[in-house]
């Protein structure tokens, strides 16, 4: 027998059903440190991202007290976003066009688009908005 969906045991073969043998399968391990694929954007993809997020009203704001320390942040690839900056999901039409982006988020910060790994909050790509 093998485990079917829902945890039900089902015969793996007709021979197993007759012999009463129970075969237990173990699912593959799930990574405790999931990673996102490396991001290498073309100039055309950067332009599409820039156009998609330019109209969104998602610029980093420093009006809230918790965001004030992030005001002096100098972004660079590999840097971790300060807690005062909130990454936003990329627009769906853009994700449909460039599926690799579905695992990333973005921040518009000081005339830059920062592409961020939302699990680690690390900047993986950055380029000017304009």
N, C-alpha and C. Protein backbone atom coordinates (compact mmCIF):
# COMPACT_ATOMS: atom_id res chain seq x y z
N UNK A 1 0.85 -1.19 0.00
CA UNK A 1 0.00 0.00 0.00
C UNK A 1 0.88 1.23 0.00
N UNK A 2 0.34 2.31 -0.53
CA UNK A 2 1.04 3.58 -0.46
C UNK A 2 0.06 4.62 0.08
N UNK A 3 0.62 5.72 0.54
CA UNK A 3 -0.23 6.76 1.11
C UNK A 3 -0.77 7.61 -0.02
N UNK A 4 -2.06 7.73 -0.07
CA UNK A 4 -2.71 8.58 -1.07
C UNK A 4 -3.00 9.92 -0.43
N UNK A 5 -3.46 10.86 -1.22
CA UNK A 5 -3.81 12.18 -0.70
C UNK A 5 -4.80 12.03 0.44
N UNK A 6 -4.60 12.83 1.47
CA UNK A 6 -5.51 12.79 2.61
C UNK A 6 -5.07 11.76 3.64
N UNK A 7 -3.88 11.15 3.48
CA UNK A 7 -3.37 10.22 4.47
C UNK A 7 -4.00 8.84 4.41
N UNK A 8 -4.63 8.49 3.30
CA UNK A 8 -5.28 7.20 3.16
C UNK A 8 -4.28 6.21 2.57
N UNK A 9 -4.24 5.00 3.12
CA UNK A 9 -3.37 3.98 2.58
C UNK A 9 -4.07 3.32 1.40
N UNK A 10 -3.35 3.17 0.31
CA UNK A 10 -3.90 2.53 -0.88
C UNK A 10 -2.87 1.54 -1.40
N UNK A 11 -3.29 0.43 -2.00
CA UNK A 11 -2.33 -0.54 -2.53
C UNK A 11 -1.47 0.08 -3.61
N UNK A 12 -0.14 -0.16 -3.54
CA UNK A 12 0.77 0.35 -4.56
C UNK A 12 0.61 -0.47 -5.84
N UNK A 13 0.44 -1.79 -5.68
CA UNK A 13 0.23 -2.66 -6.83
C UNK A 13 -0.84 -3.68 -6.46
N UNK A 14 -1.32 -4.39 -7.43
CA UNK A 14 -2.32 -5.43 -7.16
C UNK A 14 -1.70 -6.52 -6.30
N UNK A 15 -0.41 -6.79 -6.50
CA UNK A 15 0.29 -7.81 -5.71
C UNK A 15 0.35 -7.41 -4.23
N UNK A 16 0.60 -6.12 -3.96
CA UNK A 16 0.64 -5.64 -2.57
C UNK A 16 -0.72 -5.78 -1.91
N UNK A 17 -1.77 -5.53 -2.67
CA UNK A 17 -3.12 -5.64 -2.11
C UNK A 17 -3.41 -7.07 -1.67
N UNK A 18 -2.94 -8.04 -2.45
CA UNK A 18 -3.18 -9.45 -2.11
C UNK A 18 -2.31 -9.91 -0.95
N UNK A 19 -1.07 -9.42 -0.87
CA UNK A 19 -0.17 -9.90 0.19
C UNK A 19 -0.38 -9.16 1.50
N UNK A 20 -1.07 -8.02 1.46
CA UNK A 20 -1.30 -7.24 2.68
C UNK A 20 -0.09 -6.40 3.06
N UNK A 21 0.88 -6.29 2.17
CA UNK A 21 2.09 -5.51 2.45
C UNK A 21 1.74 -4.03 2.56
N UNK A 22 2.39 -3.37 3.51
CA UNK A 22 2.21 -1.93 3.69
C UNK A 22 3.52 -1.25 3.33
N UNK A 23 3.46 -0.37 2.37
CA UNK A 23 4.64 0.38 1.96
C UNK A 23 4.43 1.82 2.38
N UNK A 24 5.33 2.31 3.22
CA UNK A 24 5.19 3.68 3.69
C UNK A 24 6.19 4.55 2.94
N UNK A 25 5.70 5.64 2.39
CA UNK A 25 6.59 6.55 1.68
C UNK A 25 6.86 7.76 2.55
N UNK A 26 8.04 8.31 2.41
CA UNK A 26 8.42 9.50 3.16
C UNK A 26 8.59 10.64 2.16
N UNK A 27 7.89 11.74 2.38
CA UNK A 27 8.02 12.85 1.43
C UNK A 27 9.42 13.46 1.53
N UNK A 28 9.86 14.14 0.48
CA UNK A 28 11.18 14.77 0.52
C UNK A 28 11.20 15.87 1.59
N UNK A 29 12.36 16.13 2.18
CA UNK A 29 12.43 17.16 3.21
C UNK A 29 12.14 18.54 2.64
N UNK A 30 11.58 19.41 3.47
CA UNK A 30 11.29 20.78 3.08
C UNK A 30 12.38 21.66 3.69
N UNK A 31 12.97 22.49 2.86
CA UNK A 31 14.05 23.35 3.32
C UNK A 31 13.55 24.31 4.39
N UNK A 32 14.34 24.44 5.45
CA UNK A 32 14.00 25.38 6.50
C UNK A 32 14.56 26.76 6.19
N UNK A 33 15.38 26.85 5.16
CA UNK A 33 15.95 28.11 4.72
C UNK A 33 15.67 28.29 3.24
N UNK A 34 14.40 28.56 2.90
CA UNK A 34 14.07 28.69 1.48
C UNK A 34 14.83 29.87 0.87
N UNK A 35 15.22 29.72 -0.36
CA UNK A 35 15.91 30.80 -1.04
C UNK A 35 15.16 31.16 -2.32
N UNK A 36 15.44 32.34 -2.79
CA UNK A 36 14.82 32.77 -4.04
C UNK A 36 15.87 32.66 -5.13
N UNK A 37 15.44 32.47 -6.37
CA UNK A 37 16.42 32.36 -7.45
C UNK A 37 17.21 33.65 -7.62
N UNK A 38 18.42 33.53 -8.13
CA UNK A 38 19.24 34.72 -8.39
C UNK A 38 18.52 35.62 -9.39
N UNK A 39 18.66 36.90 -9.20
CA UNK A 39 17.96 37.85 -10.06
C UNK A 39 18.97 38.58 -10.93
N UNK A 40 18.88 38.38 -12.21
CA UNK A 40 19.74 39.07 -13.17
C UNK A 40 18.82 39.69 -14.21
N UNK A 41 18.52 40.97 -14.01
CA UNK A 41 17.56 41.65 -14.88
C UNK A 41 18.24 42.28 -16.08
N UNK A 42 17.55 42.24 -17.21
CA UNK A 42 18.03 42.93 -18.41
C UNK A 42 17.60 44.40 -18.30
N UNK A 43 18.16 45.24 -19.15
CA UNK A 43 17.76 46.65 -19.17
C UNK A 43 16.27 46.77 -19.51
N UNK A 44 15.79 45.91 -20.40
CA UNK A 44 14.38 45.93 -20.79
C UNK A 44 13.49 45.59 -19.58
N UNK A 45 13.89 44.59 -18.79
CA UNK A 45 13.11 44.21 -17.60
C UNK A 45 13.13 45.34 -16.57
N UNK A 46 14.28 46.00 -16.39
CA UNK A 46 14.36 47.13 -15.45
C UNK A 46 13.40 48.24 -15.89
N UNK A 47 13.34 48.49 -17.19
CA UNK A 47 12.44 49.52 -17.73
C UNK A 47 10.99 49.15 -17.44
N UNK A 48 10.63 47.89 -17.62
CA UNK A 48 9.25 47.44 -17.35
C UNK A 48 8.92 47.59 -15.86
N UNK A 49 9.85 47.25 -15.00
CA UNK A 49 9.62 47.40 -13.55
C UNK A 49 9.47 48.87 -13.21
N UNK A 50 10.36 49.69 -13.74
CA UNK A 50 10.34 51.13 -13.48
C UNK A 50 8.98 51.71 -13.88
N UNK A 51 8.48 51.33 -15.06
CA UNK A 51 7.19 51.83 -15.53
C UNK A 51 6.05 51.31 -14.67
N UNK A 52 6.12 50.07 -14.23
CA UNK A 52 5.04 49.48 -13.43
C UNK A 52 4.94 50.09 -12.05
N UNK A 53 6.07 50.43 -11.43
CA UNK A 53 6.01 50.94 -10.06
C UNK A 53 6.01 52.47 -10.00
N UNK A 54 6.31 53.14 -11.12
CA UNK A 54 6.37 54.60 -11.13
C UNK A 54 5.03 55.22 -10.74
N UNK A 55 3.93 54.65 -11.22
CA UNK A 55 2.60 55.21 -10.95
C UNK A 55 2.09 54.85 -9.55
N UNK A 56 2.65 53.82 -8.96
CA UNK A 56 2.18 53.39 -7.62
C UNK A 56 2.58 54.42 -6.58
N UNK A 57 1.67 54.71 -5.69
CA UNK A 57 1.94 55.65 -4.59
C UNK A 57 2.54 54.87 -3.43
N UNK A 58 3.77 54.40 -3.65
CA UNK A 58 4.41 53.55 -2.64
C UNK A 58 5.78 54.07 -2.25
N UNK A 59 6.02 55.36 -2.47
CA UNK A 59 7.31 55.93 -2.08
C UNK A 59 7.50 55.80 -0.58
N UNK A 60 8.73 55.57 -0.16
CA UNK A 60 9.03 55.49 1.27
C UNK A 60 8.70 56.82 1.91
N UNK A 61 8.01 56.77 3.04
CA UNK A 61 7.62 57.97 3.77
C UNK A 61 8.31 57.95 5.13
N UNK A 62 8.75 59.11 5.56
CA UNK A 62 9.43 59.20 6.85
C UNK A 62 8.59 59.98 7.86
N UNK A 63 7.29 60.06 7.61
CA UNK A 63 6.40 60.79 8.50
C UNK A 63 6.20 60.07 9.84
N UNK A 64 6.19 58.74 9.80
CA UNK A 64 5.99 57.99 11.03
C UNK A 64 7.28 57.90 11.82
N UNK A 65 7.14 57.89 13.14
CA UNK A 65 8.31 57.86 14.02
C UNK A 65 9.19 56.64 13.76
N UNK A 66 8.57 55.48 13.52
CA UNK A 66 9.35 54.26 13.31
C UNK A 66 10.16 54.29 12.01
N UNK A 67 9.77 55.16 11.07
CA UNK A 67 10.47 55.24 9.79
C UNK A 67 11.60 56.26 9.80
N UNK A 68 11.63 57.15 10.76
CA UNK A 68 12.63 58.22 10.79
C UNK A 68 14.07 57.71 10.72
N UNK A 69 14.45 56.66 11.48
CA UNK A 69 15.84 56.18 11.40
C UNK A 69 16.23 55.70 10.00
N UNK A 70 15.27 55.28 9.19
CA UNK A 70 15.56 54.78 7.85
C UNK A 70 15.89 55.91 6.87
N UNK A 71 15.62 57.15 7.27
CA UNK A 71 15.81 58.29 6.40
C UNK A 71 17.28 58.43 5.96
N UNK A 72 18.20 58.07 6.80
CA UNK A 72 19.63 58.19 6.48
C UNK A 72 20.22 56.92 5.88
N UNK A 73 19.39 55.93 5.62
CA UNK A 73 19.85 54.66 5.05
C UNK A 73 20.42 54.87 3.66
N UNK A 74 21.58 54.29 3.41
CA UNK A 74 22.21 54.33 2.09
C UNK A 74 22.09 52.95 1.47
N UNK A 75 21.17 52.75 0.53
CA UNK A 75 20.95 51.42 -0.04
C UNK A 75 22.13 50.95 -0.88
N UNK A 76 22.37 49.65 -0.84
CA UNK A 76 23.35 49.01 -1.69
C UNK A 76 22.94 47.55 -1.84
N UNK A 77 23.39 46.91 -2.91
CA UNK A 77 23.05 45.52 -3.12
C UNK A 77 23.66 44.69 -2.00
N UNK A 78 22.83 43.85 -1.39
CA UNK A 78 23.27 43.01 -0.27
C UNK A 78 22.95 43.61 1.09
N UNK A 79 22.61 44.92 1.11
CA UNK A 79 22.26 45.57 2.38
C UNK A 79 20.87 45.12 2.82
N UNK A 80 20.64 45.12 4.12
CA UNK A 80 19.34 44.77 4.69
C UNK A 80 18.52 46.03 4.90
N UNK A 81 17.26 45.99 4.48
CA UNK A 81 16.36 47.14 4.68
C UNK A 81 16.18 47.43 6.16
N UNK A 82 16.20 48.69 6.54
CA UNK A 82 15.87 49.03 7.93
C UNK A 82 14.40 48.70 8.20
N UNK A 83 14.06 48.50 9.46
CA UNK A 83 12.69 48.13 9.83
C UNK A 83 11.66 49.18 9.44
N UNK A 84 12.05 50.41 9.32
CA UNK A 84 11.11 51.47 8.98
C UNK A 84 10.66 51.47 7.54
N UNK A 85 11.32 50.68 6.68
CA UNK A 85 10.94 50.60 5.27
C UNK A 85 10.15 49.33 5.02
N UNK A 86 9.01 49.47 4.36
CA UNK A 86 8.14 48.33 4.10
C UNK A 86 8.16 47.97 2.63
N UNK A 87 8.60 46.75 2.31
CA UNK A 87 8.57 46.32 0.90
C UNK A 87 7.13 46.06 0.45
N UNK A 88 6.88 46.31 -0.82
CA UNK A 88 5.56 46.11 -1.42
C UNK A 88 5.63 45.01 -2.48
N UNK A 89 4.56 44.25 -2.65
CA UNK A 89 4.57 43.25 -3.74
C UNK A 89 4.60 43.95 -5.09
N UNK A 90 5.26 43.34 -6.03
CA UNK A 90 5.30 43.90 -7.38
C UNK A 90 3.93 43.74 -8.03
N UNK A 91 3.53 44.66 -8.91
CA UNK A 91 2.21 44.59 -9.56
C UNK A 91 2.01 43.28 -10.32
N UNK A 92 0.81 42.72 -10.22
CA UNK A 92 0.50 41.43 -10.85
C UNK A 92 0.77 41.38 -12.35
N UNK A 93 0.37 42.40 -13.13
CA UNK A 93 0.65 42.31 -14.57
C UNK A 93 2.15 42.14 -14.85
N UNK A 94 2.97 42.78 -14.03
CA UNK A 94 4.42 42.66 -14.19
C UNK A 94 4.89 41.24 -13.85
N UNK A 95 4.32 40.66 -12.82
CA UNK A 95 4.69 39.29 -12.41
C UNK A 95 4.26 38.30 -13.49
N UNK A 96 3.11 38.53 -14.13
CA UNK A 96 2.67 37.65 -15.21
C UNK A 96 3.64 37.72 -16.39
N UNK A 97 4.18 38.91 -16.62
CA UNK A 97 5.10 39.11 -17.73
C UNK A 97 6.51 38.60 -17.42
N UNK A 98 6.94 38.77 -16.15
CA UNK A 98 8.27 38.32 -15.71
C UNK A 98 8.07 37.45 -14.47
N UNK A 99 7.72 36.18 -14.64
CA UNK A 99 7.37 35.32 -13.51
C UNK A 99 8.44 35.21 -12.42
N UNK A 100 9.70 35.39 -12.76
CA UNK A 100 10.78 35.31 -11.79
C UNK A 100 10.58 36.33 -10.65
N UNK A 101 9.86 37.40 -10.93
CA UNK A 101 9.68 38.47 -9.94
C UNK A 101 8.67 38.13 -8.84
N UNK A 102 7.93 37.03 -8.99
CA UNK A 102 6.86 36.76 -8.01
C UNK A 102 7.40 36.54 -6.60
N UNK A 103 8.66 36.21 -6.46
CA UNK A 103 9.24 35.97 -5.13
C UNK A 103 9.95 37.18 -4.56
N UNK A 104 9.79 38.32 -5.22
CA UNK A 104 10.46 39.53 -4.77
C UNK A 104 9.46 40.62 -4.44
N UNK A 105 9.94 41.64 -3.75
CA UNK A 105 9.15 42.82 -3.42
C UNK A 105 9.99 44.03 -3.82
N UNK A 106 9.41 45.22 -3.67
CA UNK A 106 10.16 46.42 -4.02
C UNK A 106 9.90 47.53 -3.03
N UNK A 107 10.81 48.49 -3.03
CA UNK A 107 10.68 49.71 -2.24
C UNK A 107 11.12 50.85 -3.14
N UNK A 108 10.31 51.91 -3.19
CA UNK A 108 10.73 53.13 -3.87
C UNK A 108 11.36 54.01 -2.79
N UNK A 109 12.65 54.27 -2.94
CA UNK A 109 13.39 54.96 -1.89
C UNK A 109 14.37 55.95 -2.51
N UNK A 110 14.15 57.23 -2.24
CA UNK A 110 15.04 58.30 -2.70
C UNK A 110 15.37 58.17 -4.19
N UNK A 111 14.36 58.16 -5.03
CA UNK A 111 14.52 58.09 -6.49
C UNK A 111 15.17 56.80 -6.98
N UNK A 112 15.11 55.75 -6.17
CA UNK A 112 15.64 54.44 -6.56
C UNK A 112 14.54 53.39 -6.40
N UNK A 113 14.59 52.38 -7.24
CA UNK A 113 13.75 51.20 -7.07
C UNK A 113 14.66 50.14 -6.47
N UNK A 114 14.28 49.65 -5.30
CA UNK A 114 15.05 48.60 -4.64
C UNK A 114 14.26 47.30 -4.77
N UNK A 115 14.83 46.27 -5.38
CA UNK A 115 14.19 44.97 -5.46
C UNK A 115 14.73 44.17 -4.27
N UNK A 116 13.81 43.62 -3.49
CA UNK A 116 14.15 43.04 -2.19
C UNK A 116 13.68 41.60 -2.09
N UNK A 117 14.49 40.77 -1.45
CA UNK A 117 14.07 39.43 -1.07
C UNK A 117 13.23 39.62 0.20
N UNK A 118 11.92 39.41 0.16
CA UNK A 118 11.08 39.72 1.33
C UNK A 118 11.35 38.81 2.53
N UNK A 119 11.96 37.64 2.32
CA UNK A 119 12.24 36.74 3.45
C UNK A 119 13.43 37.22 4.27
N UNK A 120 14.43 37.79 3.59
CA UNK A 120 15.64 38.24 4.29
C UNK A 120 15.70 39.75 4.40
N UNK A 121 14.87 40.45 3.63
CA UNK A 121 14.86 41.91 3.56
C UNK A 121 16.14 42.46 2.95
N UNK A 122 16.86 41.64 2.21
CA UNK A 122 18.11 42.08 1.57
C UNK A 122 17.82 42.61 0.17
N UNK A 123 18.54 43.65 -0.19
CA UNK A 123 18.40 44.25 -1.52
C UNK A 123 19.17 43.39 -2.51
N UNK A 124 18.49 42.93 -3.57
CA UNK A 124 19.12 42.09 -4.57
C UNK A 124 19.37 42.82 -5.89
N UNK A 125 18.70 43.95 -6.07
CA UNK A 125 18.85 44.74 -7.30
C UNK A 125 18.38 46.15 -6.98
N UNK A 126 19.00 47.13 -7.63
CA UNK A 126 18.56 48.52 -7.47
C UNK A 126 18.91 49.31 -8.71
N UNK A 127 18.03 50.27 -9.04
CA UNK A 127 18.25 51.11 -10.21
C UNK A 127 17.41 52.37 -10.04
N UNK A 128 17.79 53.47 -10.75
CA UNK A 128 17.06 54.73 -10.62
C UNK A 128 15.61 54.61 -11.12
N UNK A 129 14.71 55.37 -10.50
CA UNK A 129 13.32 55.39 -10.92
C UNK A 129 13.19 56.08 -12.27
N UNK A 130 13.87 57.21 -12.42
CA UNK A 130 13.71 58.01 -13.63
C UNK A 130 14.69 57.77 -14.70
